Amino acid sequence: MADTAHVDTFARDNLPPQDQWPAFLLDRPELQYPERLNCAAEFLDRWVNGGRGDEPCLISPAETLTYSELQGRVNRICNVLVHKLGFVPGNRVLLRSANNPMMVAAYLAVLKAGGVVVATMPLLRAKEIAYPIAKAKIAIALCDHRLSEEMERAKALSPELRHIAYWGSGRPDSLEALMTDASPDFQAADTAADDVCLIGFTSGTTGEPKGTMHFHRDMLAICDTYAKNVLRAESGDRFIGSPPLAFTFGLGGIVLFPMRIGASTVLLEKAGPDDLLSAIARYKATICFTAPTAYRAMLSKLADHDISSLRKCVSAGEPLPKATFEAWEEATGIKLMDGIGATEMLHIFIAAAEDEIRAGATGKPVPGYEAKIIDEDGRTLPPGSIGRLAVRGPTGCRYLADERQRKYVQNGWNITGDTYLMDEDGYFWYQARSDDMIISSGYNIAGPEVEAALLTHPAVAECGVVGAPDDGRGTIVKAYVVLRAGYAPGPDLTKMLQEHVKAEIAPYKYPRVIEYLDALPRTQTGKLQRFELRRMAQEHKGQRSEVASA
């Protein structure tokens, strides 16, 4: 590793031993980064220095910032950090806000000053905020004042946290007040390309969040692999999306990808399906990033909104059902670009450009990445085999002081925890999370496959499928279903849904138990918490329950 610019070397000191790192593939021409690199300067300063400072960068209902205006704001925050909050390079800085220009400015400022960003979901509670503060030894936080209640409660639980600067409060000690007499000039820290600049905490779909550490070069690598070779956006594009910036899917799709090519992006604090559709029409957005659940929810509302400006739609965060892909294409003429990523990998590593999409398949390895299917012993399986997904490329897993590093990285490969099949043409087909495979009476049944079948029925708004204990079969398939308006749970509907699944996929895969819920448990990023469904299945917990077996 190159000499660090960090004065506070906590991040580098707590990287896993290098013999536990994955292999990094950096041989492509676009991945030849210099030894000294500050990614914020690449995303922001180079456009201003290149004469494009007057072009729009961040667009929101409250304000629009050009690249030059954003640079001035970022530099002032950098000076506040260094001269008023006692920041030194390498310090971790907690960020808390919905998606808005001030959040992006704070994010870039921490990077530019040589710090390490730890961004958190706006809806987290005090104990959930205190966890990364303690794990990453965070002393400084920048936070939207509207989130101050839980932030203050977290501070009471966090002796490490010395300073919180709130923006938007109008108080004399607000971040804006501190910025008033701060210089609009700041020289980017001379960071190494392999200095840690981001600790992204996983969303907790499998329990306690893990801190994933990423370098300055990683922030560029996801742009120069997926965004350049698969998304293929242009500087005139206007990005929009729903994922929070604390979720690396959102960070890449809504901030890094557009700024890497000098494009603009629309930032929405509220980005539900209705909000997203209205904003696409209002701001003439051309590229949308959101989850399959949101695309499905938007389908019935398309007639009320002009989304003709859209030309590309990216789907990630959870598996994309083929039925949703086909319905969206039929309604809009746009093929949803599916992709799988991971916080450990920073962004998408398997996907397909529009001209290579096969409905139902996730795609092929993004240029710069390699992927294969392995068995439980790590042996490579031939095409057509179902097994564990292993991937490597220019990004990869380095957990912050976590023994789970040995499980995620094996023999230089990142083992993502997903079960996949690779066909003869090299396309990867999602089967399940590795712990979502249900073994019932000797049959291997992928929960997401049953979910996809249920979602083709008009009564089903959302669903989650897990294994539930059963004396006779060991495990049975159990579905948790949220119904659409106009449908009521009952034995007749249960029987109808079961018969529907039998007609869609192999009959032995049908859910022998269906439980109806008002809402599914999800993480702050919107991912289904399957571990919570499995816990409920173990306890037979739920609201209105209907059971039918055969």
Protein backbone atom coordinates (compact mmCIF):
# COMPACT_ATOMS: atom_id res chain seq x y z
CA MET A 1 0.00 0.00 0.00
CA ALA A 2 1.10 3.58 -0.68
CA ASP A 3 2.03 5.96 2.13
CA THR A 4 -1.18 7.12 3.76
CA ALA A 5 -2.20 10.75 4.05
CA HIS A 6 -4.12 9.89 7.21
CA VAL A 7 -2.92 11.42 10.44
CA ASP A 8 -5.54 9.35 12.24
CA THR A 9 -4.65 5.88 10.97
CA PHE A 10 -7.55 3.99 12.58
CA ALA A 11 -9.05 2.91 9.25
CA ARG A 12 -5.85 1.51 7.79
CA ASP A 13 -4.92 -0.05 11.14
CA ASN A 14 -8.23 -1.94 11.21
CA LEU A 15 -8.18 -3.32 7.68
CA PRO A 16 -8.10 -7.12 7.61
CA PRO A 17 -4.67 -8.75 7.22
CA GLN A 18 -3.78 -8.60 3.53
CA ASP A 19 -3.73 -12.39 3.27
CA GLN A 20 -7.48 -12.24 3.94
CA TRP A 21 -8.15 -9.72 1.16
CA PRO A 22 -9.72 -10.75 -2.13
CA ALA A 23 -7.64 -10.62 -5.28
CA PHE A 24 -8.01 -7.21 -6.93
CA LEU A 25 -8.15 -7.00 -10.74
CA LEU A 26 -6.82 -3.64 -11.90
CA ASP A 27 -5.34 -4.52 -15.27
CA ARG A 28 -7.85 -2.75 -17.54
CA PRO A 29 -6.64 0.59 -18.99
CA GLU A 30 -9.46 2.54 -17.36
CA LEU A 31 -8.41 1.20 -13.94
CA GLN A 32 -4.81 2.45 -14.04
CA TYR A 33 -5.09 5.03 -11.29
CA PRO A 34 -2.17 7.11 -9.99
CA GLU A 35 -0.72 6.27 -6.59
CA ARG A 36 -1.91 9.61 -5.17
CA LEU A 37 -5.61 10.19 -5.73
CA ASN A 38 -8.43 12.12 -4.09
CA CYS A 39 -11.72 10.99 -5.57
CA ALA A 40 -13.59 14.19 -4.63
CA ALA A 41 -11.22 16.20 -6.80
CA GLU A 42 -11.97 13.84 -9.69
CA PHE A 43 -15.74 14.04 -9.23
CA LEU A 44 -15.91 17.81 -8.70
CA ASP A 45 -12.79 19.94 -9.11
CA ARG A 46 -11.79 18.67 -12.53
CA TRP A 47 -15.05 19.89 -14.09
CA VAL A 48 -14.60 23.37 -12.63
CA ASN A 49 -10.93 23.46 -13.61
CA GLY A 50 -11.91 22.27 -17.10
CA GLY A 51 -14.27 25.20 -17.70
CA ARG A 52 -17.57 23.44 -17.00
CA GLY A 53 -18.25 24.97 -13.60
CA ASP A 54 -21.42 26.76 -14.74
CA GLU A 55 -23.17 23.54 -15.75
CA PRO A 56 -25.90 22.12 -13.46
CA CYS A 57 -24.84 19.44 -11.03
CA LEU A 58 -27.38 18.98 -8.22
CA ILE A 59 -31.09 19.67 -8.71
CA SER A 60 -33.67 19.53 -5.92
CA PRO A 61 -37.06 21.09 -5.14
CA ALA A 62 -35.28 23.54 -2.80
CA GLU A 63 -32.25 24.57 -4.88
CA THR A 64 -30.07 23.88 -7.90
CA LEU A 65 -26.28 23.97 -7.67
CA THR A 66 -23.81 24.23 -10.54
CA TYR A 67 -20.50 22.44 -10.29
CA SER A 68 -18.83 25.72 -9.24
CA GLU A 69 -21.45 26.46 -6.60
CA LEU A 70 -21.15 22.96 -5.22
CA GLN A 71 -17.36 23.28 -5.14
CA GLY A 72 -17.61 26.50 -3.09
CA ARG A 73 -19.94 24.83 -0.60
CA VAL A 74 -17.76 21.73 -0.34
CA ASN A 75 -14.64 23.83 0.25
CA ARG A 76 -16.29 25.85 2.99
CA ILE A 77 -17.35 22.66 4.77
CA CYS A 78 -13.80 21.34 4.43
CA ASN A 79 -12.49 24.47 6.15
CA VAL A 80 -15.10 24.18 8.91
CA LEU A 81 -14.04 20.59 9.54
CA VAL A 82 -10.33 21.42 9.66
CA HIS A 83 -10.34 24.81 11.38
CA LYS A 84 -13.42 24.68 13.64
CA LEU A 85 -14.18 21.04 14.44
CA GLY A 86 -10.68 19.73 15.02
CA PHE A 87 -10.72 17.37 12.07
CA VAL A 88 -7.53 15.69 10.84
CA PRO A 89 -7.18 13.42 7.77
CA GLY A 90 -8.31 9.91 8.55
CA ASN A 91 -11.03 10.95 11.00
CA ARG A 92 -14.33 9.22 10.45
CA VAL A 93 -17.29 11.59 10.03
CA LEU A 94 -20.88 10.47 10.50
CA LEU A 95 -23.40 11.90 8.02
CA ARG A 96 -27.16 11.89 8.55
CA SER A 97 -29.66 13.30 6.11
CA ALA A 98 -32.20 12.53 3.46
CA ASN A 99 -31.04 12.93 -0.15
CA ASN A 100 -30.44 16.64 -0.67
CA PRO A 101 -27.65 18.95 -1.93
CA MET A 102 -26.28 19.63 1.55
CA MET A 103 -25.84 15.90 2.15
CA VAL A 104 -23.87 15.56 -1.10
CA ALA A 105 -21.75 18.60 -0.25
CA ALA A 106 -20.96 17.21 3.21
CA TYR A 107 -20.12 13.82 1.72
CA LEU A 108 -17.70 15.29 -0.83
CA ALA A 109 -16.18 17.60 1.78
CA VAL A 110 -15.22 14.71 4.05
CA LEU A 111 -13.64 12.91 1.10
CA LYS A 112 -11.83 16.01 -0.12
CA ALA A 113 -10.43 16.77 3.33
CA GLY A 114 -9.03 13.25 3.51
CA GLY A 115 -11.62 11.85 5.92
CA VAL A 116 -13.67 8.69 5.99
CA VAL A 117 -17.43 8.94 5.42
CA VAL A 118 -19.84 6.88 7.50
CA ALA A 119 -23.31 7.68 6.16
CA THR A 120 -26.42 6.44 7.97
CA MET A 121 -30.03 5.92 6.95
CA PRO A 122 -32.31 8.80 8.02
CA LEU A 123 -34.81 6.52 9.77
CA LEU A 124 -32.35 4.80 12.09
CA ARG A 125 -32.96 5.07 15.82
CA ALA A 126 -30.45 6.09 18.47
CA LYS A 127 -29.14 2.61 19.26
CA GLU A 128 -28.72 1.88 15.56
CA ILE A 129 -26.80 5.14 15.09
CA ALA A 130 -24.64 4.50 18.15
CA TYR A 131 -23.45 1.16 16.75
CA PRO A 132 -21.36 2.55 13.83
CA ILE A 133 -20.21 5.45 16.02
CA ALA A 134 -18.69 2.98 18.46
CA LYS A 135 -17.49 0.50 15.84
CA ALA A 136 -15.75 3.15 13.71
CA LYS A 137 -14.68 5.39 16.62
CA ILE A 138 -16.41 8.48 15.23
CA ALA A 139 -15.79 11.87 16.84
CA ILE A 140 -17.54 14.24 14.40
CA ALA A 141 -21.05 14.19 12.89
CA LEU A 142 -22.72 16.42 10.30
CA CYS A 143 -26.49 16.11 10.42
CA ASP A 144 -29.69 17.62 9.09
CA HIS A 145 -31.34 19.38 12.05
CA ARG A 146 -34.61 17.58 11.34
CA LEU A 147 -32.92 14.38 12.49
CA SER A 148 -31.54 15.90 15.69
CA GLU A 149 -33.79 14.05 18.14
CA GLU A 150 -32.36 10.60 17.48
CA MET A 151 -28.90 12.08 16.88
CA GLU A 152 -28.87 13.62 20.35
CA ARG A 153 -30.04 10.37 21.87
CA ALA A 154 -27.26 8.57 20.04
CA LYS A 155 -24.75 11.11 21.33
CA ALA A 156 -25.79 10.27 24.89
CA LEU A 157 -24.88 6.65 24.14
CA SER A 158 -21.60 7.53 22.38
CA PRO A 159 -18.73 8.92 24.47
CA GLU A 160 -16.54 8.94 21.33
CA LEU A 161 -18.70 11.59 19.63
CA ARG A 162 -17.33 15.09 20.40
CA HIS A 163 -18.92 17.38 17.83
CA ILE A 164 -22.26 17.49 15.98
CA ALA A 165 -22.81 20.27 13.46
CA TYR A 166 -26.44 20.54 12.33
CA TRP A 167 -27.47 22.23 9.13
CA GLY A 168 -30.81 23.92 8.49
CA SER A 169 -31.47 24.89 12.11
CA GLY A 170 -30.77 28.61 11.72
CA ARG A 171 -28.92 28.57 15.03
CA PRO A 172 -25.68 30.52 15.62
CA ASP A 173 -23.80 27.22 15.85
CA SER A 174 -25.35 25.69 12.73
CA LEU A 175 -23.14 24.35 9.96
CA GLU A 176 -24.19 27.23 7.69
CA ALA A 177 -23.22 29.75 10.38
CA LEU A 178 -19.84 28.09 10.73
CA MET A 179 -19.44 28.23 6.95
CA THR A 180 -20.15 31.97 6.72
CA ASP A 181 -16.59 33.12 7.27
CA ALA A 182 -14.92 29.94 5.98
CA SER A 183 -12.84 30.23 2.85
CA PRO A 184 -14.35 29.00 -0.44
CA ASP A 185 -10.91 27.65 -1.37
CA PHE A 186 -9.48 24.34 -0.23
CA GLN A 187 -6.75 22.14 -1.63
CA ALA A 188 -7.79 18.49 -1.76
CA ALA A 189 -5.88 16.27 0.67
CA ASP A 190 -3.02 14.38 -0.96
CA THR A 191 -4.55 10.99 -0.26
CA ALA A 192 -3.28 7.68 -1.52
CA ALA A 193 -5.44 5.84 -4.02
CA ASP A 194 -5.68 3.06 -1.43
CA ASP A 195 -6.51 5.28 1.54
CA VAL A 196 -9.87 4.33 3.05
CA CYS A 197 -12.50 7.01 2.31
CA LEU A 198 -15.76 5.20 3.04
CA ILE A 199 -17.01 2.74 5.63
CA GLY A 200 -20.36 1.50 4.38
CA PHE A 201 -22.33 -0.46 6.93
CA THR A 202 -24.41 -3.32 5.58
CA SER A 203 -28.17 -3.06 5.88
CA GLY A 204 -28.53 -5.90 8.35
CA THR A 205 -30.48 -8.42 6.28
CA THR A 206 -28.56 -11.18 8.09
CA GLY A 207 -28.14 -9.65 11.55
CA GLU A 208 -25.50 -7.29 12.98
CA PRO A 209 -24.29 -4.76 10.37
CA LYS A 210 -20.73 -5.06 9.10
CA GLY A 211 -18.53 -2.10 8.22
CA THR A 212 -17.21 -2.40 4.65
CA MET A 213 -14.11 -0.34 3.87
CA HIS A 214 -13.53 1.24 0.48
CA PHE A 215 -10.65 3.22 -1.03
CA HIS A 216 -10.55 6.42 -3.08
CA ARG A 217 -9.79 4.34 -6.18
CA ASP A 218 -12.87 2.16 -5.53
CA MET A 219 -15.17 5.17 -5.86
CA LEU A 220 -13.84 5.73 -9.38
CA ALA A 221 -13.64 2.05 -10.27
CA ILE A 222 -17.40 1.46 -10.01
CA CYS A 223 -17.90 4.39 -12.39
CA ASP A 224 -15.23 3.23 -14.82
CA THR A 225 -16.53 -0.36 -14.95
CA TYR A 226 -20.30 -0.62 -14.54
CA ALA A 227 -21.30 2.96 -15.36
CA LYS A 228 -18.94 3.28 -18.34
CA ASN A 229 -19.35 -0.16 -19.90
CA VAL A 230 -22.90 -1.18 -18.98
CA LEU A 231 -24.96 1.91 -18.13
CA ARG A 232 -23.27 4.02 -20.84
CA ALA A 233 -24.74 7.33 -19.73
CA GLU A 234 -23.83 10.68 -21.30
CA SER A 235 -22.99 14.10 -19.90
CA GLY A 236 -26.39 15.40 -20.97
CA ASP A 237 -28.23 12.81 -18.90
CA ARG A 238 -30.18 13.72 -15.78
CA PHE A 239 -30.17 11.01 -13.12
CA ILE A 240 -32.87 10.35 -10.51
CA GLY A 241 -33.64 7.62 -8.03
CA SER A 242 -34.96 6.53 -4.68
CA PRO A 243 -32.10 4.79 -2.79
CA PRO A 244 -30.69 6.73 0.18
CA LEU A 245 -27.13 8.00 -0.29
CA ALA A 246 -26.14 5.95 2.77
CA PHE A 247 -26.91 2.90 0.61
CA THR A 248 -24.03 2.40 -1.84
CA PHE A 249 -26.52 1.61 -4.63
CA GLY A 250 -27.84 5.15 -4.19
CA LEU A 251 -24.42 6.74 -3.75
CA GLY A 252 -23.22 5.34 -7.06
CA GLY A 253 -26.40 5.69 -9.07
CA ILE A 254 -27.45 9.15 -7.94
CA VAL A 255 -24.15 10.92 -7.19
CA LEU A 256 -20.95 9.24 -8.35
CA PHE A 257 -22.08 8.03 -11.78
CA PRO A 258 -23.43 11.41 -12.94
CA MET A 259 -20.54 13.40 -11.48
CA ARG A 260 -17.95 11.11 -13.05
CA ILE A 261 -19.16 12.21 -16.51
CA GLY A 262 -20.17 15.79 -15.69
CA ALA A 263 -23.91 15.07 -15.81
CA SER A 264 -26.62 16.30 -13.42
CA THR A 265 -28.76 14.55 -10.84
CA VAL A 266 -32.12 15.13 -9.16
CA LEU A 267 -32.14 14.68 -5.38
CA LEU A 268 -35.43 13.84 -3.67
CA GLU A 269 -35.92 13.67 0.07
CA LYS A 270 -39.10 11.70 -0.47
CA ALA A 271 -38.91 9.25 -3.35
CA GLY A 272 -41.84 6.89 -3.10
CA PRO A 273 -43.40 5.73 -6.39
CA ASP A 274 -45.72 8.77 -6.62
CA ASP A 275 -42.92 11.21 -5.75
CA LEU A 276 -40.55 9.58 -8.22
CA LEU A 277 -43.03 9.66 -11.08
CA SER A 278 -43.90 13.32 -10.45
CA ALA A 279 -40.23 14.30 -10.28
CA ILE A 280 -39.33 12.43 -13.47
CA ALA A 281 -42.02 14.42 -15.25
CA ARG A 282 -41.10 17.74 -13.61
CA TYR A 283 -37.33 17.57 -14.08
CA LYS A 284 -37.26 15.54 -17.32
CA ALA A 285 -35.03 12.89 -15.79
CA THR A 286 -33.48 10.44 -18.24
CA ILE A 287 -31.98 7.69 -16.03
CA CYS A 288 -33.76 6.18 -13.03
CA PHE A 289 -32.36 4.00 -10.24
CA THR A 290 -34.76 2.21 -7.92
CA ALA A 291 -35.78 -1.23 -6.68
CA PRO A 292 -38.06 -3.78 -8.40
CA THR A 293 -40.77 -3.17 -5.79
CA ALA A 294 -40.92 0.50 -6.80
CA TYR A 295 -41.10 -0.23 -10.53
CA ARG A 296 -43.93 -2.64 -9.85
CA ALA A 297 -45.76 -0.05 -7.76
CA MET A 298 -45.33 2.62 -10.46
CA LEU A 299 -46.89 0.51 -13.19
CA SER A 300 -50.47 1.28 -12.23
CA LYS A 301 -49.73 5.02 -12.00
CA LEU A 302 -47.97 5.59 -15.33
CA ALA A 303 -51.04 6.96 -17.09
CA ASP A 304 -51.10 9.95 -14.74
CA HIS A 305 -47.49 11.04 -15.40
CA ASP A 306 -45.38 12.02 -18.41
CA ILE A 307 -42.20 9.98 -18.12
CA SER A 308 -41.31 10.17 -21.80
CA SER A 309 -37.94 11.73 -20.91
CA LEU A 310 -36.74 8.44 -19.40
CA ARG A 311 -34.37 6.41 -21.55
CA LYS A 312 -32.71 4.02 -19.06
CA CYS A 313 -33.99 2.34 -15.90
CA VAL A 314 -31.74 0.42 -13.51
CA SER A 315 -33.11 -2.11 -11.05
CA ALA A 316 -31.13 -3.46 -8.10
CA GLY A 317 -31.33 -3.97 -4.36
CA GLU A 318 -33.38 -7.16 -4.64
CA PRO A 319 -34.14 -9.73 -7.37
CA LEU A 320 -36.07 -8.44 -10.39
CA PRO A 321 -39.04 -10.75 -11.14
CA LYS A 322 -39.44 -11.54 -14.81
CA ALA A 323 -43.10 -10.50 -14.58
CA THR A 324 -42.07 -6.99 -13.47
CA PHE A 325 -39.46 -6.76 -16.24
CA GLU A 326 -42.02 -7.72 -18.89
CA ALA A 327 -44.76 -5.47 -17.54
CA TRP A 328 -42.44 -2.44 -17.40
CA GLU A 329 -41.17 -3.01 -20.93
CA GLU A 330 -44.70 -3.42 -22.24
CA ALA A 331 -45.84 -0.23 -20.52
CA THR A 332 -42.84 2.00 -21.27
CA GLY A 333 -40.81 0.36 -24.01
CA ILE A 334 -37.80 0.41 -21.68
CA LYS A 335 -35.96 -2.73 -20.65
CA LEU A 336 -35.16 -2.69 -16.95
CA MET A 337 -31.41 -3.09 -16.48
CA ASP A 338 -31.13 -5.65 -13.71
CA GLY A 339 -27.98 -5.94 -11.64
CA ILE A 340 -26.58 -7.45 -8.49
CA GLY A 341 -24.24 -5.58 -6.21
CA ALA A 342 -23.20 -5.71 -2.58
CA THR A 343 -22.08 -3.21 0.02
CA GLU A 344 -18.91 -5.31 0.27
CA MET A 345 -18.28 -4.79 -3.47
CA LEU A 346 -19.52 -1.16 -3.37
CA HIS A 347 -21.80 -1.46 -6.39
CA ILE A 348 -23.07 -3.65 -9.25
CA PHE A 349 -20.78 -6.40 -10.55
CA ILE A 350 -23.14 -8.53 -12.68
CA ALA A 351 -25.51 -6.84 -15.13
CA ALA A 352 -26.29 -6.44 -18.82
CA ALA A 353 -26.60 -3.46 -21.15
CA GLU A 354 -29.93 -3.06 -22.93
CA ASP A 355 -28.80 -4.83 -26.09
CA GLU A 356 -27.63 -7.89 -24.11
CA ILE A 357 -30.49 -8.31 -21.63
CA ARG A 358 -32.15 -11.69 -21.26
CA ALA A 359 -35.39 -11.43 -19.31
CA GLY A 360 -35.07 -13.22 -16.00
CA ALA A 361 -31.26 -13.31 -16.01
CA THR A 362 -29.20 -10.88 -13.93
CA GLY A 363 -26.64 -10.64 -16.72
CA LYS A 364 -22.92 -11.24 -17.17
CA PRO A 365 -19.93 -10.06 -15.12
CA VAL A 366 -19.41 -6.32 -15.54
CA PRO A 367 -16.22 -5.68 -17.58
CA GLY A 368 -13.40 -5.66 -15.05
CA TYR A 369 -15.03 -8.36 -12.90
CA GLU A 370 -14.95 -12.15 -13.02
CA ALA A 371 -17.59 -14.48 -11.60
CA LYS A 372 -18.06 -18.23 -11.27
CA ILE A 373 -20.23 -20.79 -9.52
CA ILE A 374 -18.61 -22.92 -6.83
CA ASP A 375 -19.68 -25.79 -4.59
CA GLU A 376 -19.48 -25.92 -0.80
CA ASP A 377 -15.79 -26.90 -1.01
CA GLY A 378 -14.88 -24.03 -3.34
CA ARG A 379 -14.62 -26.14 -6.50
CA THR A 380 -15.69 -24.48 -9.75
CA LEU A 381 -18.92 -25.95 -11.13
CA PRO A 382 -19.74 -26.37 -14.83
CA PRO A 383 -22.42 -24.34 -16.64
CA GLY A 384 -25.94 -25.37 -15.72
CA SER A 385 -25.03 -26.12 -12.10
CA ILE A 386 -26.59 -24.38 -9.12
CA GLY A 387 -24.08 -23.22 -6.54
CA ARG A 388 -22.53 -20.33 -4.65
CA LEU A 389 -21.63 -17.13 -6.49
CA ALA A 390 -17.97 -16.10 -6.30
CA VAL A 391 -16.76 -12.82 -7.75
CA ARG A 392 -13.63 -10.70 -7.94
CA GLY A 393 -12.67 -7.45 -9.63
CA PRO A 394 -11.33 -3.96 -8.89
CA THR A 395 -13.43 -3.70 -5.71
CA GLY A 396 -13.87 -6.22 -2.94
CA CYS A 397 -14.57 -6.97 0.69
CA ARG A 398 -12.47 -5.57 3.53
CA TYR A 399 -14.49 -5.63 6.73
CA LEU A 400 -13.70 -3.28 9.57
CA ALA A 401 -12.24 -5.45 12.35
CA ASP A 402 -14.65 -8.34 11.75
CA GLU A 403 -14.04 -12.09 11.91
CA ARG A 404 -16.63 -12.58 9.17
CA GLN A 405 -13.95 -11.50 6.68
CA ARG A 406 -12.77 -15.13 6.49
CA LYS A 407 -16.24 -16.27 5.49
CA TYR A 408 -16.82 -13.63 2.83
CA VAL A 409 -13.40 -13.91 1.16
CA GLN A 410 -12.19 -17.40 0.29
CA ASN A 411 -9.19 -18.19 -1.93
CA GLY A 412 -9.13 -14.62 -3.22
CA TRP A 413 -12.80 -14.62 -4.24
CA ASN A 414 -15.70 -12.70 -2.70
CA ILE A 415 -18.42 -15.18 -1.72
CA THR A 416 -21.51 -13.00 -1.88
CA GLY A 417 -23.97 -15.31 -0.15
CA ASP A 418 -26.08 -15.74 -3.30
CA THR A 419 -27.05 -18.96 -5.02
CA TYR A 420 -26.83 -18.70 -8.83
CA LEU A 421 -26.78 -20.73 -12.01
CA MET A 422 -24.52 -19.80 -14.94
CA ASP A 423 -25.76 -20.96 -18.34
CA GLU A 424 -23.69 -22.04 -21.35
CA ASP A 425 -23.61 -18.47 -22.67
CA GLY A 426 -22.18 -17.04 -19.45
CA TYR A 427 -25.40 -15.46 -18.20
CA PHE A 428 -26.00 -15.65 -14.46
CA TRP A 429 -29.48 -16.59 -13.20
CA TYR A 430 -30.40 -15.76 -9.63
CA GLN A 431 -31.78 -18.63 -7.56
CA ALA A 432 -31.79 -17.39 -3.97
CA ARG A 433 -29.70 -16.03 -1.21
CA SER A 434 -27.64 -19.01 -0.12
CA ASP A 435 -29.56 -19.15 3.15
CA ASP A 436 -32.90 -18.75 1.34
CA MET A 437 -32.73 -22.20 -0.27
CA ILE A 438 -35.53 -24.27 1.26
CA ILE A 439 -35.01 -28.02 1.51
CA SER A 440 -38.40 -29.71 1.85
CA SER A 441 -38.82 -33.48 1.64
CA GLY A 442 -35.48 -33.66 -0.16
CA TYR A 443 -36.34 -31.00 -2.73
CA ASN A 444 -34.30 -27.80 -3.06
CA ILE A 445 -36.71 -24.90 -3.45
CA ALA A 446 -35.59 -21.30 -3.99
CA GLY A 447 -37.79 -18.90 -2.05
CA PRO A 448 -37.49 -16.05 -4.61
CA GLU A 449 -38.75 -18.35 -7.36
CA VAL A 450 -41.95 -18.94 -5.37
CA GLU A 451 -42.17 -15.20 -4.72
CA ALA A 452 -41.90 -14.46 -8.42
CA ALA A 453 -44.75 -16.87 -9.13
CA LEU A 454 -46.96 -15.33 -6.45
CA LEU A 455 -46.29 -11.82 -7.76
CA THR A 456 -47.87 -12.69 -11.11
CA HIS A 457 -51.25 -13.02 -9.34
CA PRO A 458 -53.26 -9.76 -9.29
CA ALA A 459 -54.12 -10.14 -5.60
CA VAL A 460 -50.48 -10.03 -4.45
CA ALA A 461 -48.83 -6.67 -3.79
CA GLU A 462 -45.73 -8.00 -2.03
CA CYS A 463 -44.57 -11.31 -0.67
CA GLY A 464 -41.70 -13.09 1.03
CA VAL A 465 -41.11 -16.83 1.09
CA VAL A 466 -39.06 -18.79 3.63
CA GLY A 467 -38.85 -22.26 5.07
CA ALA A 468 -40.94 -23.10 8.12
CA PRO A 469 -40.43 -26.11 10.43
CA ASP A 470 -42.74 -29.06 9.85
CA ASP A 471 -42.85 -32.40 11.65
CA GLY A 472 -43.60 -34.41 8.53
CA ARG A 473 -41.42 -32.76 5.90
CA GLY A 474 -38.73 -31.18 8.03
CA THR A 475 -39.34 -27.85 6.34
CA ILE A 476 -42.21 -26.54 4.29
CA VAL A 477 -42.54 -23.53 2.02
CA LYS A 478 -44.28 -20.66 3.79
CA ALA A 479 -45.34 -17.43 2.09
CA TYR A 480 -45.97 -14.10 3.76
CA VAL A 481 -48.28 -12.07 1.54
CA VAL A 482 -49.39 -8.44 1.47
CA LEU A 483 -52.61 -8.14 -0.53
CA ARG A 484 -53.64 -5.43 -2.94
CA ALA A 485 -56.65 -3.27 -2.14
CA GLY A 486 -59.91 -5.06 -2.84
CA TYR A 487 -58.73 -8.51 -1.76
CA ALA A 488 -59.41 -10.09 1.61
CA PRO A 489 -57.58 -13.04 3.18
CA GLY A 490 -59.44 -16.30 3.53
CA PRO A 491 -59.31 -20.01 2.72
CA ASP A 492 -60.63 -19.48 -0.80
CA LEU A 493 -57.95 -16.94 -1.67
CA THR A 494 -55.27 -19.12 -0.10
CA LYS A 495 -56.34 -22.06 -2.23
CA MET A 496 -56.43 -19.84 -5.31
CA LEU A 497 -52.89 -18.57 -4.72
CA GLN A 498 -51.59 -22.08 -4.12
CA GLU A 499 -53.14 -23.34 -7.35
CA HIS A 500 -51.75 -20.32 -9.17
CA VAL A 501 -48.21 -21.11 -8.01
CA LYS A 502 -48.63 -24.77 -9.02
CA ALA A 503 -49.55 -23.58 -12.50
CA GLU A 504 -46.59 -21.21 -12.72
CA ILE A 505 -43.77 -23.41 -11.43
CA ALA A 506 -43.19 -27.05 -10.40
CA PRO A 507 -46.14 -28.02 -8.18
CA TYR A 508 -43.96 -29.28 -5.32
CA LYS A 509 -42.71 -25.70 -4.82
CA TYR A 510 -46.10 -24.24 -3.89
CA PRO A 511 -46.47 -22.59 -0.45
CA ARG A 512 -48.13 -25.02 1.89
CA VAL A 513 -48.76 -22.21 4.35
CA ILE A 514 -49.73 -18.64 3.48
CA GLU A 515 -49.80 -15.95 6.12
CA TYR A 516 -51.23 -12.51 5.37
CA LEU A 517 -49.51 -9.40 6.69
CA ASP A 518 -50.17 -5.68 6.45
CA ALA A 519 -46.50 -5.06 5.60
CA LEU A 520 -43.30 -7.04 5.18
CA PRO A 521 -40.29 -6.41 7.41
CA ARG A 522 -37.70 -4.41 5.49
CA THR A 523 -34.39 -2.71 6.17
CA GLN A 524 -33.94 1.07 5.87
CA THR A 525 -32.75 0.45 2.29
CA GLY A 526 -35.98 -1.36 1.45
CA LYS A 527 -34.53 -4.85 1.36
CA LEU A 528 -36.69 -7.68 2.60
CA GLN A 529 -35.48 -8.94 5.98
CA ARG A 530 -35.65 -12.65 5.36
CA PHE A 531 -34.03 -13.44 8.68
CA GLU A 532 -37.02 -11.73 10.35
CA LEU A 533 -39.45 -13.81 8.27
CA ARG A 534 -37.54 -16.94 9.26
CA ARG A 535 -37.79 -15.93 12.89
CA MET A 536 -41.53 -15.37 12.50
CA ALA A 537 -41.88 -18.75 10.83
CA GLN A 538 -40.11 -20.40 13.75
CA GLU A 539 -42.49 -18.70 16.18
CA HIS A 540 -45.62 -19.04 13.99
CA LYS A 541 -46.03 -15.33 14.52
CA GLY A 542 -48.22 -13.14 12.36
CA GLN A 543 -51.50 -11.42 11.83
CA ARG A 544 -54.28 -13.06 9.83
CA SER A 545 -53.11 -16.59 9.00
CA GLU A 546 -54.55 -19.07 6.57
CA VAL A 547 -53.19 -22.61 6.27
CA ALA A 548 -53.80 -25.26 3.67
CA SER A 549 -51.72 -28.38 3.12
CA ALA A 550 -51.84 -31.23 0.69
